[in-house]
Amino acid sequence: MGGEQSATFRDFRSRMARGFQALQDSAEKIIIIVEMMLMGQSDLPCFEGGRSLIKQLKDRLFPNGRRLDREDSNRHVDGLIAESVNNWRTRCYDSAQYCM
């Protein structure tokens, strides 16, 4: 993307923040759908966590236990990006993608 200071990276950061805000706008519906799927298809590997899976989903969609305003949402996404930018797992995954 041209590095953390590039226009492309700034655009990525902005789009991530807007995407997270959109997720929060529909979070209740997403959670209800996942709960319904868990009740009907609990034998699927993706639902191995059971009810704790729903709690984890809620924690990800509402990191402070509530819907974030725009400013807090931007800070949250910036924090997630900062954690992953130079993470060794991210670098390994990027290298694997480049080779493929």
N, C-alpha and C. Protein backbone atom coordinates (compact mmCIF):
# COMPACT_ATOMS: atom_id res chain seq x y z
N MET A 1 0.82 -1.21 0.00
CA MET A 1 0.00 0.00 0.00
C MET A 1 0.85 1.26 0.00
N GLY A 2 2.15 1.08 0.02
CA GLY A 2 3.01 2.25 -0.04
C GLY A 2 3.46 2.77 1.32
N GLY A 3 3.26 2.01 2.36
CA GLY A 3 3.70 2.44 3.69
C GLY A 3 2.61 3.15 4.47
N GLU A 4 2.85 3.28 5.76
CA GLU A 4 1.84 3.82 6.66
C GLU A 4 1.49 5.28 6.40
N GLN A 5 2.38 6.02 5.76
CA GLN A 5 2.13 7.44 5.51
C GLN A 5 1.56 7.71 4.11
N SER A 6 1.36 6.66 3.33
CA SER A 6 0.91 6.84 1.95
C SER A 6 -0.58 7.19 1.89
N ALA A 7 -0.98 7.78 0.79
CA ALA A 7 -2.39 8.12 0.58
C ALA A 7 -3.24 6.85 0.52
N THR A 8 -2.70 5.79 -0.06
CA THR A 8 -3.43 4.53 -0.16
C THR A 8 -3.69 3.95 1.22
N PHE A 9 -2.70 4.02 2.09
CA PHE A 9 -2.87 3.50 3.45
C PHE A 9 -3.87 4.35 4.24
N ARG A 10 -3.83 5.65 4.05
CA ARG A 10 -4.80 6.53 4.71
C ARG A 10 -6.22 6.21 4.22
N ASP A 11 -6.35 5.93 2.93
CA ASP A 11 -7.65 5.55 2.37
C ASP A 11 -8.12 4.22 2.98
N PHE A 12 -7.20 3.27 3.09
CA PHE A 12 -7.50 1.98 3.72
C PHE A 12 -7.99 2.19 5.15
N ARG A 13 -7.28 3.01 5.90
CA ARG A 13 -7.63 3.29 7.30
C ARG A 13 -9.04 3.89 7.39
N SER A 14 -9.34 4.83 6.50
CA SER A 14 -10.64 5.48 6.47
C SER A 14 -11.75 4.49 6.13
N ARG A 15 -11.49 3.63 5.15
CA ARG A 15 -12.48 2.64 4.74
C ARG A 15 -12.72 1.60 5.84
N MET A 16 -11.67 1.23 6.55
CA MET A 16 -11.83 0.30 7.67
C MET A 16 -12.72 0.91 8.75
N ALA A 17 -12.50 2.17 9.05
CA ALA A 17 -13.31 2.85 10.07
C ALA A 17 -14.77 2.92 9.64
N ARG A 18 -15.00 3.25 8.38
CA ARG A 18 -16.39 3.31 7.88
C ARG A 18 -17.02 1.92 7.89
N GLY A 19 -16.24 0.91 7.55
CA GLY A 19 -16.74 -0.46 7.57
C GLY A 19 -17.11 -0.91 8.97
N PHE A 20 -16.28 -0.54 9.95
CA PHE A 20 -16.58 -0.90 11.33
C PHE A 20 -17.84 -0.19 11.80
N GLN A 21 -18.01 1.06 11.42
CA GLN A 21 -19.22 1.79 11.78
C GLN A 21 -20.45 1.14 11.15
N ALA A 22 -20.32 0.68 9.91
CA ALA A 22 -21.43 0.00 9.24
C ALA A 22 -21.76 -1.32 9.95
N LEU A 23 -20.74 -2.03 10.40
CA LEU A 23 -20.97 -3.25 11.17
C LEU A 23 -21.74 -2.95 12.45
N GLN A 24 -21.35 -1.89 13.11
CA GLN A 24 -22.04 -1.54 14.35
C GLN A 24 -23.49 -1.13 14.07
N ASP A 25 -23.73 -0.49 12.95
CA ASP A 25 -25.10 -0.11 12.59
C ASP A 25 -26.02 -1.33 12.48
N SER A 26 -25.46 -2.45 12.04
CA SER A 26 -26.25 -3.67 11.85
C SER A 26 -25.91 -4.76 12.86
N ALA A 27 -25.19 -4.42 13.90
CA ALA A 27 -24.68 -5.42 14.85
C ALA A 27 -25.78 -6.26 15.48
N GLU A 28 -26.87 -5.62 15.91
CA GLU A 28 -27.93 -6.37 16.57
C GLU A 28 -28.51 -7.44 15.63
N LYS A 29 -28.71 -7.07 14.37
CA LYS A 29 -29.23 -8.02 13.39
C LYS A 29 -28.24 -9.16 13.14
N ILE A 30 -26.97 -8.81 13.06
CA ILE A 30 -25.92 -9.82 12.84
C ILE A 30 -25.91 -10.80 14.01
N ILE A 31 -25.96 -10.28 15.23
CA ILE A 31 -25.93 -11.13 16.42
C ILE A 31 -27.14 -12.06 16.45
N ILE A 32 -28.32 -11.53 16.14
CA ILE A 32 -29.53 -12.36 16.13
C ILE A 32 -29.42 -13.48 15.10
N ILE A 33 -28.92 -13.17 13.91
CA ILE A 33 -28.77 -14.18 12.86
C ILE A 33 -27.79 -15.27 13.32
N VAL A 34 -26.66 -14.86 13.89
CA VAL A 34 -25.68 -15.84 14.36
C VAL A 34 -26.26 -16.69 15.48
N GLU A 35 -27.03 -16.08 16.40
CA GLU A 35 -27.67 -16.85 17.47
C GLU A 35 -28.65 -17.88 16.90
N MET A 36 -29.42 -17.48 15.91
CA MET A 36 -30.38 -18.40 15.29
C MET A 36 -29.64 -19.55 14.61
N MET A 37 -28.56 -19.23 13.93
CA MET A 37 -27.78 -20.27 13.26
C MET A 37 -27.15 -21.22 14.29
N LEU A 38 -26.69 -20.66 15.40
CA LEU A 38 -26.11 -21.49 16.46
C LEU A 38 -27.15 -22.47 17.01
N MET A 39 -28.37 -22.00 17.20
CA MET A 39 -29.42 -22.88 17.73
C MET A 39 -29.78 -23.99 16.75
N GLY A 40 -29.76 -23.68 15.45
CA GLY A 40 -30.17 -24.66 14.46
C GLY A 40 -29.05 -25.51 13.90
N GLN A 41 -27.82 -25.02 13.99
CA GLN A 41 -26.70 -25.72 13.36
C GLN A 41 -25.50 -25.83 14.31
N SER A 42 -25.75 -26.11 15.57
CA SER A 42 -24.67 -26.11 16.57
C SER A 42 -23.61 -27.18 16.31
N ASP A 43 -23.89 -28.12 15.40
CA ASP A 43 -22.91 -29.17 15.10
C ASP A 43 -21.85 -28.71 14.11
N LEU A 44 -22.00 -27.53 13.54
CA LEU A 44 -21.00 -27.02 12.60
C LEU A 44 -19.73 -26.62 13.35
N PRO A 45 -18.56 -26.87 12.76
CA PRO A 45 -17.30 -26.54 13.43
C PRO A 45 -17.18 -25.06 13.83
N CYS A 46 -17.77 -24.17 13.06
CA CYS A 46 -17.66 -22.74 13.36
C CYS A 46 -18.42 -22.37 14.63
N PHE A 47 -19.28 -23.26 15.13
CA PHE A 47 -20.06 -22.98 16.34
C PHE A 47 -19.58 -23.80 17.53
N GLU A 48 -18.36 -24.33 17.47
CA GLU A 48 -17.83 -25.14 18.57
C GLU A 48 -17.81 -24.37 19.89
N GLY A 49 -17.65 -23.06 19.84
CA GLY A 49 -17.59 -22.27 21.06
C GLY A 49 -18.91 -22.11 21.76
N GLY A 50 -20.01 -22.45 21.11
CA GLY A 50 -21.32 -22.34 21.72
C GLY A 50 -21.66 -20.91 22.10
N ARG A 51 -22.22 -20.73 23.29
CA ARG A 51 -22.66 -19.41 23.76
C ARG A 51 -21.49 -18.44 23.91
N SER A 52 -20.30 -18.95 24.22
CA SER A 52 -19.15 -18.05 24.37
C SER A 52 -18.81 -17.40 23.03
N LEU A 53 -19.16 -18.08 21.94
CA LEU A 53 -18.96 -17.51 20.61
C LEU A 53 -19.78 -16.23 20.44
N ILE A 54 -21.00 -16.23 20.94
CA ILE A 54 -21.87 -15.05 20.85
C ILE A 54 -21.28 -13.91 21.67
N LYS A 55 -20.77 -14.22 22.86
CA LYS A 55 -20.15 -13.20 23.69
C LYS A 55 -18.93 -12.59 22.99
N GLN A 56 -18.12 -13.45 22.38
CA GLN A 56 -16.94 -12.96 21.66
C GLN A 56 -17.35 -12.05 20.49
N LEU A 57 -18.41 -12.43 19.79
CA LEU A 57 -18.91 -11.62 18.69
C LEU A 57 -19.36 -10.25 19.21
N LYS A 58 -20.12 -10.26 20.30
CA LYS A 58 -20.58 -8.99 20.89
C LYS A 58 -19.41 -8.13 21.33
N ASP A 59 -18.40 -8.76 21.93
CA ASP A 59 -17.21 -8.02 22.37
C ASP A 59 -16.47 -7.37 21.20
N ARG A 60 -16.47 -8.05 20.06
CA ARG A 60 -15.79 -7.49 18.88
C ARG A 60 -16.60 -6.36 18.25
N LEU A 61 -17.91 -6.54 18.22
CA LEU A 61 -18.76 -5.51 17.62
C LEU A 61 -18.96 -4.31 18.53
N PHE A 62 -18.93 -4.54 19.84
CA PHE A 62 -19.09 -3.47 20.83
C PHE A 62 -17.92 -3.53 21.81
N PRO A 63 -16.74 -3.08 21.41
CA PRO A 63 -15.54 -3.25 22.24
C PRO A 63 -15.62 -2.63 23.63
N ASN A 64 -16.41 -1.61 23.81
CA ASN A 64 -16.58 -0.98 25.13
C ASN A 64 -17.91 -1.35 25.76
N GLY A 65 -18.55 -2.37 25.21
CA GLY A 65 -19.85 -2.78 25.72
C GLY A 65 -21.00 -1.96 25.18
N ARG A 66 -20.71 -1.08 24.25
CA ARG A 66 -21.75 -0.21 23.66
C ARG A 66 -21.31 0.18 22.25
N ARG A 67 -22.24 0.75 21.52
CA ARG A 67 -21.93 1.25 20.18
C ARG A 67 -21.02 2.46 20.31
N LEU A 68 -19.97 2.49 19.52
CA LEU A 68 -19.00 3.59 19.58
C LEU A 68 -19.44 4.74 18.69
N ASP A 69 -19.18 5.97 19.13
CA ASP A 69 -19.43 7.10 18.25
C ASP A 69 -18.31 7.13 17.20
N ARG A 70 -18.44 8.02 16.26
CA ARG A 70 -17.51 8.06 15.13
C ARG A 70 -16.05 8.23 15.59
N GLU A 71 -15.82 9.12 16.51
CA GLU A 71 -14.45 9.38 16.97
C GLU A 71 -13.86 8.16 17.68
N ASP A 72 -14.64 7.55 18.58
CA ASP A 72 -14.17 6.35 19.28
C ASP A 72 -13.99 5.19 18.32
N SER A 73 -14.86 5.09 17.34
CA SER A 73 -14.75 4.04 16.34
C SER A 73 -13.45 4.19 15.55
N ASN A 74 -13.14 5.42 15.15
CA ASN A 74 -11.89 5.66 14.42
C ASN A 74 -10.69 5.28 15.28
N ARG A 75 -10.72 5.65 16.57
CA ARG A 75 -9.61 5.31 17.47
C ARG A 75 -9.48 3.79 17.61
N HIS A 76 -10.61 3.11 17.73
CA HIS A 76 -10.59 1.65 17.87
C HIS A 76 -9.97 1.00 16.64
N VAL A 77 -10.40 1.42 15.47
CA VAL A 77 -9.87 0.85 14.23
C VAL A 77 -8.40 1.20 14.08
N ASP A 78 -8.02 2.42 14.42
CA ASP A 78 -6.60 2.79 14.37
C ASP A 78 -5.77 1.88 15.27
N GLY A 79 -6.31 1.55 16.45
CA GLY A 79 -5.61 0.65 17.37
C GLY A 79 -5.46 -0.74 16.79
N LEU A 80 -6.53 -1.25 16.16
CA LEU A 80 -6.45 -2.57 15.54
C LEU A 80 -5.42 -2.59 14.42
N ILE A 81 -5.40 -1.53 13.63
CA ILE A 81 -4.44 -1.45 12.52
C ILE A 81 -3.02 -1.36 13.08
N ALA A 82 -2.82 -0.53 14.11
CA ALA A 82 -1.49 -0.39 14.71
C ALA A 82 -0.98 -1.72 15.25
N GLU A 83 -1.87 -2.52 15.84
CA GLU A 83 -1.49 -3.83 16.35
C GLU A 83 -1.03 -4.77 15.25
N SER A 84 -1.64 -4.65 14.09
CA SER A 84 -1.38 -5.62 13.02
C SER A 84 -0.33 -5.19 12.01
N VAL A 85 -0.03 -3.89 11.93
CA VAL A 85 0.87 -3.39 10.88
C VAL A 85 2.20 -4.11 10.86
N ASN A 86 2.87 -4.22 11.96
CA ASN A 86 4.19 -4.86 11.98
C ASN A 86 4.19 -6.16 12.76
N ASN A 87 3.02 -6.76 12.92
CA ASN A 87 2.91 -8.03 13.61
C ASN A 87 3.56 -9.12 12.77
N TRP A 88 4.27 -10.04 13.41
CA TRP A 88 4.97 -11.08 12.65
C TRP A 88 3.99 -11.96 11.88
N ARG A 89 2.80 -12.20 12.42
CA ARG A 89 1.81 -13.01 11.70
C ARG A 89 1.36 -12.30 10.42
N THR A 90 1.16 -10.99 10.54
CA THR A 90 0.76 -10.21 9.37
C THR A 90 1.84 -10.26 8.30
N ARG A 91 3.09 -10.10 8.71
CA ARG A 91 4.20 -10.14 7.74
C ARG A 91 4.29 -11.52 7.08
N CYS A 92 4.13 -12.59 7.86
CA CYS A 92 4.18 -13.94 7.29
C CYS A 92 3.04 -14.16 6.29
N TYR A 93 1.83 -13.72 6.67
CA TYR A 93 0.68 -13.89 5.79
C TYR A 93 0.89 -13.08 4.50
N ASP A 94 1.36 -11.84 4.63
CA ASP A 94 1.62 -11.02 3.45
C ASP A 94 2.65 -11.66 2.55
N SER A 95 3.68 -12.26 3.14
CA SER A 95 4.72 -12.93 2.35
C SER A 95 4.14 -14.13 1.61
N ALA A 96 3.31 -14.89 2.31
CA ALA A 96 2.69 -16.07 1.67
C ALA A 96 1.80 -15.63 0.51
N GLN A 97 1.02 -14.55 0.73
CA GLN A 97 0.15 -14.05 -0.33
C GLN A 97 0.97 -13.57 -1.52
N TYR A 98 2.08 -12.91 -1.25
CA TYR A 98 2.94 -12.41 -2.32
C TYR A 98 3.47 -13.59 -3.15
N CYS A 99 3.87 -14.65 -2.48
CA CYS A 99 4.43 -15.83 -3.19
C CYS A 99 3.37 -16.54 -4.04
N MET A 100 2.13 -16.49 -3.59
CA MET A 100 1.08 -17.18 -4.32
C MET A 100 0.65 -16.37 -5.50
